[in-house]
PDB file of all heavy atoms in Angstrom:
ATOM      1  N   SER A   1       0.290   9.291 -12.319  1.00  0.00           N
ATOM      2  CA  SER A   1       0.750   9.504 -10.964  1.00  0.00           C
ATOM      3  C   SER A   1       1.707   8.426 -10.593  1.00  0.00           C
ATOM      4  O   SER A   1       1.538   7.283 -10.954  1.00  0.00           O
ATOM      5  CB  SER A   1      -0.426   9.528  -9.959  1.00  0.00           C
ATOM      6  OG  SER A   1       0.041   9.665  -8.672  1.00  0.00           O
ATOM      7  N   GLU A   2       2.736   8.788  -9.866  1.00  0.00           N
ATOM      8  CA  GLU A   2       3.724   7.804  -9.453  1.00  0.00           C
ATOM      9  C   GLU A   2       4.155   8.233  -8.066  1.00  0.00           C
ATOM     10  O   GLU A   2       4.800   9.270  -7.891  1.00  0.00           O
ATOM     11  CB  GLU A   2       4.907   7.824 -10.427  1.00  0.00           C
ATOM     12  CG  GLU A   2       5.937   6.759 -10.163  1.00  0.00           C
ATOM     13  CD  GLU A   2       7.015   6.824 -11.229  1.00  0.00           C
ATOM     14  OE1 GLU A   2       6.739   7.007 -12.411  1.00  0.00           O
ATOM     15  OE2 GLU A   2       8.162   6.686 -10.825  1.00  0.00           O
ATOM     16  N   ALA A   3       3.776   7.494  -7.067  1.00  0.00           N
ATOM     17  CA  ALA A   3       4.041   7.936  -5.700  1.00  0.00           C
ATOM     18  C   ALA A   3       4.187   6.723  -4.785  1.00  0.00           C
ATOM     19  O   ALA A   3       3.684   5.656  -5.068  1.00  0.00           O
ATOM     20  CB  ALA A   3       2.900   8.792  -5.208  1.00  0.00           C
ATOM     21  N   ASP A   4       4.813   7.020  -3.690  1.00  0.00           N
ATOM     22  CA  ASP A   4       4.859   5.974  -2.653  1.00  0.00           C
ATOM     23  C   ASP A   4       3.474   5.889  -2.027  1.00  0.00           C
ATOM     24  O   ASP A   4       2.626   6.755  -2.243  1.00  0.00           O
ATOM     25  CB  ASP A   4       5.898   6.295  -1.587  1.00  0.00           C
ATOM     26  CG  ASP A   4       7.305   6.223  -2.145  1.00  0.00           C
ATOM     27  OD1 ASP A   4       7.553   5.486  -3.130  1.00  0.00           O
ATOM     28  OD2 ASP A   4       8.184   6.862  -1.576  1.00  0.00           O
ATOM     29  N   PHE A   5       3.253   4.863  -1.256  1.00  0.00           N
ATOM     30  CA  PHE A   5       1.936   4.609  -0.700  1.00  0.00           C
ATOM     31  C   PHE A   5       1.355   5.849   0.000  1.00  0.00           C
ATOM     32  O   PHE A   5       2.027   6.492   0.792  1.00  0.00           O
ATOM     33  CB  PHE A   5       2.004   3.480   0.292  1.00  0.00           C
ATOM     34  CG  PHE A   5       0.712   3.256   1.028  1.00  0.00           C
ATOM     35  CD1 PHE A   5      -0.343   2.653   0.401  1.00  0.00           C
ATOM     36  CD2 PHE A   5       0.541   3.743   2.313  1.00  0.00           C
ATOM     37  CE1 PHE A   5      -1.533   2.481   1.080  1.00  0.00           C
ATOM     38  CE2 PHE A   5      -0.622   3.580   2.985  1.00  0.00           C
ATOM     39  CZ  PHE A   5      -1.675   2.939   2.362  1.00  0.00           C
ATOM     40  N   ALA A   6       0.166   6.163  -0.356  1.00  0.00           N
ATOM     41  CA  ALA A   6      -0.606   7.210   0.323  1.00  0.00           C
ATOM     42  C   ALA A   6      -2.055   6.818   0.208  1.00  0.00           C
ATOM     43  O   ALA A   6      -2.559   6.555  -0.882  1.00  0.00           O
ATOM     44  CB  ALA A   6      -0.371   8.547  -0.301  1.00  0.00           C
ATOM     45  N   PRO A   7      -2.777   6.702   1.325  1.00  0.00           N
ATOM     46  CA  PRO A   7      -4.193   6.226   1.274  1.00  0.00           C
ATOM     47  C   PRO A   7      -5.036   7.011   0.306  1.00  0.00           C
ATOM     48  O   PRO A   7      -5.910   6.446  -0.320  1.00  0.00           O
ATOM     49  CB  PRO A   7      -4.657   6.382   2.700  1.00  0.00           C
ATOM     50  CG  PRO A   7      -3.422   6.322   3.552  1.00  0.00           C
ATOM     51  CD  PRO A   7      -2.330   6.936   2.678  1.00  0.00           C
ATOM     52  N   THR A   8      -4.771   8.283   0.103  1.00  0.00           N
ATOM     53  CA  THR A   8      -5.596   9.098  -0.781  1.00  0.00           C
ATOM     54  C   THR A   8      -5.412   8.711  -2.237  1.00  0.00           C
ATOM     55  O   THR A   8      -6.259   9.049  -3.074  1.00  0.00           O
ATOM     56  CB  THR A   8      -5.282  10.599  -0.644  1.00  0.00           C
ATOM     57  OG1 THR A   8      -3.890  10.788  -0.890  1.00  0.00           O
ATOM     58  CG2 THR A   8      -5.617  11.083   0.776  1.00  0.00           C
ATOM     59  N   LEU A   9      -4.360   7.982  -2.575  1.00  0.00           N
ATOM     60  CA  LEU A   9      -4.119   7.572  -3.988  1.00  0.00           C
ATOM     61  C   LEU A   9      -4.766   6.253  -4.320  1.00  0.00           C
ATOM     62  O   LEU A   9      -4.762   5.865  -5.482  1.00  0.00           O
ATOM     63  CB  LEU A   9      -2.625   7.489  -4.245  1.00  0.00           C
ATOM     64  CG  LEU A   9      -1.859   8.797  -4.177  1.00  0.00           C
ATOM     65  CD1 LEU A   9      -0.365   8.551  -4.366  1.00  0.00           C
ATOM     66  CD2 LEU A   9      -2.323   9.760  -5.232  1.00  0.00           C
ATOM     67  N   MET A  10      -5.228   5.546  -3.352  1.00  0.00           N
ATOM     68  CA  MET A  10      -5.775   4.215  -3.605  1.00  0.00           C
ATOM     69  C   MET A  10      -7.176   4.288  -4.222  1.00  0.00           C
ATOM     70  O   MET A  10      -7.943   5.176  -3.893  1.00  0.00           O
ATOM     71  CB  MET A  10      -5.826   3.402  -2.308  1.00  0.00           C
ATOM     72  CG  MET A  10      -4.469   3.192  -1.707  1.00  0.00           C
ATOM     73  SD  MET A  10      -3.438   2.344  -2.940  1.00  0.00           S
ATOM     74  CE  MET A  10      -1.884   2.408  -2.138  1.00  0.00           C
ATOM     75  N   SER A  11      -7.438   3.310  -5.076  1.00  0.00           N
ATOM     76  CA  SER A  11      -8.686   3.346  -5.794  1.00  0.00           C
ATOM     77  C   SER A  11      -9.675   2.261  -5.339  1.00  0.00           C
ATOM     78  O   SER A  11     -10.677   2.066  -5.954  1.00  0.00           O
ATOM     79  CB  SER A  11      -8.423   3.205  -7.303  1.00  0.00           C
ATOM     80  OG  SER A  11      -7.889   1.982  -7.550  1.00  0.00           O
ATOM     81  N   TRP A  12      -9.366   1.555  -4.267  1.00  0.00           N
ATOM     82  CA  TRP A  12     -10.287   0.594  -3.752  1.00  0.00           C
ATOM     83  C   TRP A  12     -10.269   0.678  -2.189  1.00  0.00           C
ATOM     84  O   TRP A  12      -9.318   1.184  -1.656  1.00  0.00           O
ATOM     85  CB  TRP A  12     -10.017  -0.811  -4.212  1.00  0.00           C
ATOM     86  CG  TRP A  12      -8.685  -1.345  -3.805  1.00  0.00           C
ATOM     87  CD1 TRP A  12      -8.358  -1.879  -2.600  1.00  0.00           C
ATOM     88  CD2 TRP A  12      -7.494  -1.425  -4.573  1.00  0.00           C
ATOM     89  NE1 TRP A  12      -7.035  -2.262  -2.579  1.00  0.00           N
ATOM     90  CE2 TRP A  12      -6.509  -1.989  -3.780  1.00  0.00           C
ATOM     91  CE3 TRP A  12      -7.183  -1.040  -5.880  1.00  0.00           C
ATOM     92  CZ2 TRP A  12      -5.221  -2.203  -4.231  1.00  0.00           C
ATOM     93  CZ3 TRP A  12      -5.877  -1.256  -6.317  1.00  0.00           C
ATOM     94  CH2 TRP A  12      -4.927  -1.809  -5.497  1.00  0.00           C
ATOM     95  N   PRO A  13     -11.287   0.178  -1.557  1.00  0.00           N
ATOM     96  CA  PRO A  13     -11.395   0.296  -0.104  1.00  0.00           C
ATOM     97  C   PRO A  13     -10.285  -0.509   0.605  1.00  0.00           C
ATOM     98  O   PRO A  13      -9.961  -1.635   0.230  1.00  0.00           O
ATOM     99  CB  PRO A  13     -12.755  -0.304   0.201  1.00  0.00           C
ATOM    100  CG  PRO A  13     -13.517  -0.312  -1.059  1.00  0.00           C
ATOM    101  CD  PRO A  13     -12.487  -0.399  -2.162  1.00  0.00           C
ATOM    102  N   ASN A  14      -9.682   0.118   1.576  1.00  0.00           N
ATOM    103  CA  ASN A  14      -8.774  -0.524   2.537  1.00  0.00           C
ATOM    104  C   ASN A  14      -7.665  -1.396   1.899  1.00  0.00           C
ATOM    105  O   ASN A  14      -7.510  -2.535   2.272  1.00  0.00           O
ATOM    106  CB  ASN A  14      -9.584  -1.366   3.522  1.00  0.00           C
ATOM    107  CG  ASN A  14      -8.762  -1.712   4.763  1.00  0.00           C
ATOM    108  OD1 ASN A  14      -7.734  -1.065   5.013  1.00  0.00           O
ATOM    109  ND2 ASN A  14      -9.189  -2.684   5.494  1.00  0.00           N
ATOM    110  N   PRO A  15      -6.883  -0.866   0.948  1.00  0.00           N
ATOM    111  CA  PRO A  15      -5.825  -1.668   0.368  1.00  0.00           C
ATOM    112  C   PRO A  15      -4.755  -2.055   1.353  1.00  0.00           C
ATOM    113  O   PRO A  15      -4.119  -3.066   1.211  1.00  0.00           O
ATOM    114  CB  PRO A  15      -5.282  -0.783  -0.729  1.00  0.00           C
ATOM    115  CG  PRO A  15      -5.597   0.615  -0.281  1.00  0.00           C
ATOM    116  CD  PRO A  15      -6.898   0.487   0.455  1.00  0.00           C
ATOM    117  N   ILE A  16      -4.605  -1.269   2.398  1.00  0.00           N
ATOM    118  CA  ILE A  16      -3.600  -1.540   3.429  1.00  0.00           C
ATOM    119  C   ILE A  16      -4.001  -2.791   4.185  1.00  0.00           C
ATOM    120  O   ILE A  16      -3.192  -3.466   4.791  1.00  0.00           O
ATOM    121  CB  ILE A  16      -3.418  -0.322   4.352  1.00  0.00           C
ATOM    122  CG1 ILE A  16      -2.109  -0.466   5.144  1.00  0.00           C
ATOM    123  CG2 ILE A  16      -4.554  -0.142   5.282  1.00  0.00           C
ATOM    124  CD1 ILE A  16      -0.897  -0.310   4.308  1.00  0.00           C
ATOM    125  N   GLY A  17      -5.264  -3.175   4.122  1.00  0.00           N
ATOM    126  CA  GLY A  17      -5.764  -4.324   4.782  1.00  0.00           C
ATOM    127  C   GLY A  17      -5.566  -5.629   4.060  1.00  0.00           C
ATOM    128  O   GLY A  17      -5.887  -6.698   4.572  1.00  0.00           O
ATOM    129  N   THR A  18      -4.990  -5.596   2.847  1.00  0.00           N
ATOM    130  CA  THR A  18      -4.783  -6.842   2.099  1.00  0.00           C
ATOM    131  C   THR A  18      -3.617  -7.585   2.739  1.00  0.00           C
ATOM    132  O   THR A  18      -2.684  -7.029   3.339  1.00  0.00           O
ATOM    133  CB  THR A  18      -4.456  -6.577   0.622  1.00  0.00           C
ATOM    134  OG1 THR A  18      -3.204  -5.931   0.510  1.00  0.00           O
ATOM    135  CG2 THR A  18      -5.547  -5.760  -0.038  1.00  0.00           C
ATOM    136  N   ALA A  19      -3.627  -8.903   2.597  1.00  0.00           N
ATOM    137  CA  ALA A  19      -2.578  -9.715   3.133  1.00  0.00           C
ATOM    138  C   ALA A  19      -1.215  -9.389   2.515  1.00  0.00           C
ATOM    139  O   ALA A  19      -0.201  -9.298   3.211  1.00  0.00           O
ATOM    140  CB  ALA A  19      -2.898 -11.208   2.878  1.00  0.00           C
ATOM    141  N   TYR A  20      -1.214  -9.099   1.206  1.00  0.00           N
ATOM    142  CA  TYR A  20       0.030  -8.764   0.516  1.00  0.00           C
ATOM    143  C   TYR A  20       0.616  -7.428   1.039  1.00  0.00           C
ATOM    144  O   TYR A  20       1.795  -7.301   1.281  1.00  0.00           O
ATOM    145  CB  TYR A  20      -0.148  -8.705  -0.970  1.00  0.00           C
ATOM    146  CG  TYR A  20      -0.387 -10.051  -1.616  1.00  0.00           C
ATOM    147  CD1 TYR A  20      -1.613 -10.374  -2.150  1.00  0.00           C
ATOM    148  CD2 TYR A  20       0.639 -10.992  -1.653  1.00  0.00           C
ATOM    149  CE1 TYR A  20      -1.818 -11.657  -2.705  1.00  0.00           C
ATOM    150  CE2 TYR A  20       0.457 -12.252  -2.210  1.00  0.00           C
ATOM    151  CZ  TYR A  20      -0.774 -12.565  -2.721  1.00  0.00           C
ATOM    152  OH  TYR A  20      -0.998 -13.799  -3.265  1.00  0.00           O
ATOM    153  N   ALA A  21      -0.240  -6.435   1.207  1.00  0.00           N
ATOM    154  CA  ALA A  21       0.211  -5.136   1.711  1.00  0.00           C
ATOM    155  C   ALA A  21       0.779  -5.289   3.104  1.00  0.00           C
ATOM    156  O   ALA A  21       1.824  -4.758   3.445  1.00  0.00           O
ATOM    157  CB  ALA A  21      -0.907  -4.117   1.644  1.00  0.00           C
ATOM    158  N   LYS A  22       0.064  -5.968   3.965  1.00  0.00           N
ATOM    159  CA  LYS A  22       0.513  -6.156   5.365  1.00  0.00           C
ATOM    160  C   LYS A  22       1.865  -6.865   5.373  1.00  0.00           C
ATOM    161  O   LYS A  22       2.759  -6.479   6.115  1.00  0.00           O
ATOM    162  CB  LYS A  22      -0.514  -6.926   6.159  1.00  0.00           C
ATOM    163  CG  LYS A  22      -1.734  -6.166   6.517  1.00  0.00           C
ATOM    164  CD  LYS A  22      -2.752  -7.030   7.302  1.00  0.00           C
ATOM    165  CE  LYS A  22      -4.008  -6.288   7.555  1.00  0.00           C
ATOM    166  NZ  LYS A  22      -4.994  -7.134   8.239  1.00  0.00           N
ATOM    167  N   LYS A  23       2.012  -7.880   4.574  1.00  0.00           N
ATOM    168  CA  LYS A  23       3.237  -8.656   4.546  1.00  0.00           C
ATOM    169  C   LYS A  23       4.423  -7.746   4.103  1.00  0.00           C
ATOM    170  O   LYS A  23       5.503  -7.786   4.731  1.00  0.00           O
ATOM    171  CB  LYS A  23       3.094  -9.843   3.560  1.00  0.00           C
ATOM    172  CG  LYS A  23       4.255 -10.775   3.502  1.00  0.00           C
ATOM    173  CD  LYS A  23       3.911 -11.926   2.577  1.00  0.00           C
ATOM    174  CE  LYS A  23       5.112 -12.855   2.397  1.00  0.00           C
ATOM    175  NZ  LYS A  23       4.809 -13.943   1.461  1.00  0.00           N
ATOM    176  N   GLY A  24       4.208  -6.971   3.072  1.00  0.00           N
ATOM    177  CA  GLY A  24       5.254  -6.064   2.582  1.00  0.00           C
ATOM    178  C   GLY A  24       5.605  -5.001   3.602  1.00  0.00           C
ATOM    179  O   GLY A  24       6.785  -4.740   3.846  1.00  0.00           O
ATOM    180  N   ILE A  25       4.595  -4.420   4.193  1.00  0.00           N
ATOM    181  CA  ILE A  25       4.847  -3.386   5.237  1.00  0.00           C
ATOM    182  C   ILE A  25       5.563  -3.964   6.419  1.00  0.00           C
ATOM    183  O   ILE A  25       6.506  -3.367   6.963  1.00  0.00           O
ATOM    184  CB  ILE A  25       3.528  -2.715   5.636  1.00  0.00           C
ATOM    185  CG1 ILE A  25       3.039  -1.867   4.448  1.00  0.00           C
ATOM    186  CG2 ILE A  25       3.685  -1.849   6.872  1.00  0.00           C
ATOM    187  CD1 ILE A  25       1.612  -1.380   4.559  1.00  0.00           C
ATOM    188  N   ASN A  26       5.185  -5.155   6.840  1.00  0.00           N
ATOM    189  CA  ASN A  26       5.847  -5.837   7.966  1.00  0.00           C
ATOM    190  C   ASN A  26       7.330  -6.114   7.642  1.00  0.00           C
ATOM    191  O   ASN A  26       8.124  -6.169   8.583  1.00  0.00           O
ATOM    192  CB  ASN A  26       5.122  -7.112   8.349  1.00  0.00           C
ATOM    193  CG  ASN A  26       3.807  -6.846   9.079  1.00  0.00           C
ATOM    194  OD1 ASN A  26       3.565  -5.769   9.580  1.00  0.00           O
ATOM    195  ND2 ASN A  26       2.941  -7.825   9.042  1.00  0.00           N
ATOM    196  N   LYS A  27       7.659  -6.295   6.376  1.00  0.00           N
ATOM    197  CA  LYS A  27       9.048  -6.513   5.985  1.00  0.00           C
ATOM    198  C   LYS A  27       9.810  -5.203   5.796  1.00  0.00           C
ATOM    199  O   LYS A  27      10.994  -5.196   5.468  1.00  0.00           O
ATOM    200  CB  LYS A  27       9.091  -7.306   4.683  1.00  0.00           C
ATOM    201  CG  LYS A  27       8.678  -8.760   4.858  1.00  0.00           C
ATOM    202  CD  LYS A  27       8.765  -9.492   3.513  1.00  0.00           C
ATOM    203  CE  LYS A  27       8.384 -10.927   3.655  1.00  0.00           C
ATOM    204  NZ  LYS A  27       8.537 -11.635   2.371  1.00  0.00           N
ATOM    205  N   GLY A  28       9.108  -4.070   5.969  1.00  0.00           N
ATOM    206  CA  GLY A  28       9.745  -2.786   5.797  1.00  0.00           C
ATOM    207  C   GLY A  28       9.830  -2.313   4.324  1.00  0.00           C
ATOM    208  O   GLY A  28      10.596  -1.399   4.049  1.00  0.00           O
ATOM    209  N   HIS A  29       9.075  -2.922   3.467  1.00  0.00           N
ATOM    210  CA  HIS A  29       9.075  -2.523   2.042  1.00  0.00           C
ATOM    211  C   HIS A  29       8.288  -1.257   1.822  1.00  0.00           C
ATOM    212  O   HIS A  29       7.291  -1.010   2.504  1.00  0.00           O
ATOM    213  CB  HIS A  29       8.499  -3.665   1.194  1.00  0.00           C
ATOM    214  CG  HIS A  29       9.272  -4.906   1.190  1.00  0.00           C
ATOM    215  ND1 HIS A  29       8.882  -6.033   0.542  1.00  0.00           N
ATOM    216  CD2 HIS A  29      10.439  -5.252   1.831  1.00  0.00           C
ATOM    217  CE1 HIS A  29       9.768  -7.013   0.755  1.00  0.00           C
ATOM    218  NE2 HIS A  29      10.686  -6.563   1.517  1.00  0.00           N
ATOM    219  N   THR A  30       8.715  -0.522   0.838  1.00  0.00           N
ATOM    220  CA  THR A  30       7.976   0.671   0.388  1.00  0.00           C
ATOM    221  C   THR A  30       6.871   0.183  -0.556  1.00  0.00           C
ATOM    222  O   THR A  30       7.072  -0.645  -1.417  1.00  0.00           O
ATOM    223  CB  THR A  30       8.894   1.614  -0.384  1.00  0.00           C
ATOM    224  OG1 THR A  30       9.942   2.009   0.480  1.00  0.00           O
ATOM    225  CG2 THR A  30       8.123   2.824  -0.890  1.00  0.00           C
ATOM    226  N   ILE A  31       5.669   0.763  -0.389  1.00  0.00           N
ATOM    227  CA  ILE A  31       4.567   0.442  -1.281  1.00  0.00           C
ATOM    228  C   ILE A  31       4.580   1.447  -2.415  1.00  0.00           C
ATOM    229  O   ILE A  31       4.488   2.665  -2.178  1.00  0.00           O
ATOM    230  CB  ILE A  31       3.206   0.498  -0.547  1.00  0.00           C
ATOM    231  CG1 ILE A  31       3.236  -0.404   0.696  1.00  0.00           C
ATOM    232  CG2 ILE A  31       2.085   0.103  -1.496  1.00  0.00           C
ATOM    233  CD1 ILE A  31       3.387  -1.870   0.438  1.00  0.00           C
ATOM    234  N   SER A  32       4.761   1.006  -3.646  1.00  0.00           N
ATOM    235  CA  SER A  32       4.762   1.886  -4.832  1.00  0.00           C
ATOM    236  C   SER A  32       3.418   1.783  -5.518  1.00  0.00           C
ATOM    237  O   SER A  32       2.938   0.704  -5.770  1.00  0.00           O
ATOM    238  CB  SER A  32       5.849   1.489  -5.785  1.00  0.00           C
ATOM    239  OG  SER A  32       7.137   1.663  -5.184  1.00  0.00           O
ATOM    240  N   ASN A  33       2.851   2.934  -5.795  1.00  0.00           N
ATOM    241  CA  ASN A  33       1.559   3.050  -6.472  1.00  0.00           C
ATOM    242  C   ASN A  33       1.848   3.705  -7.813  1.00  0.00           C
ATOM    243  O   ASN A  33       2.120   4.898  -7.881  1.00  0.00           O
ATOM    244  CB  ASN A  33       0.611   3.885  -5.646  1.00  0.00           C
ATOM    245  CG  ASN A  33      -0.763   4.000  -6.246  1.00  0.00           C
ATOM    246  OD1 ASN A  33      -1.183   3.125  -6.938  1.00  0.00           O
ATOM    247  ND2 ASN A  33      -1.432   5.084  -5.950  1.00  0.00           N
TER     248      ASN A  33
END
């Protein structure tokens, strides 16, 4: 699978809650999974 960020694709609880994810999202970066 190769997709932009989608919560259903994540394999661990609350990845959006990580400091790295928040930092990237705040910068307007796309999250690639």
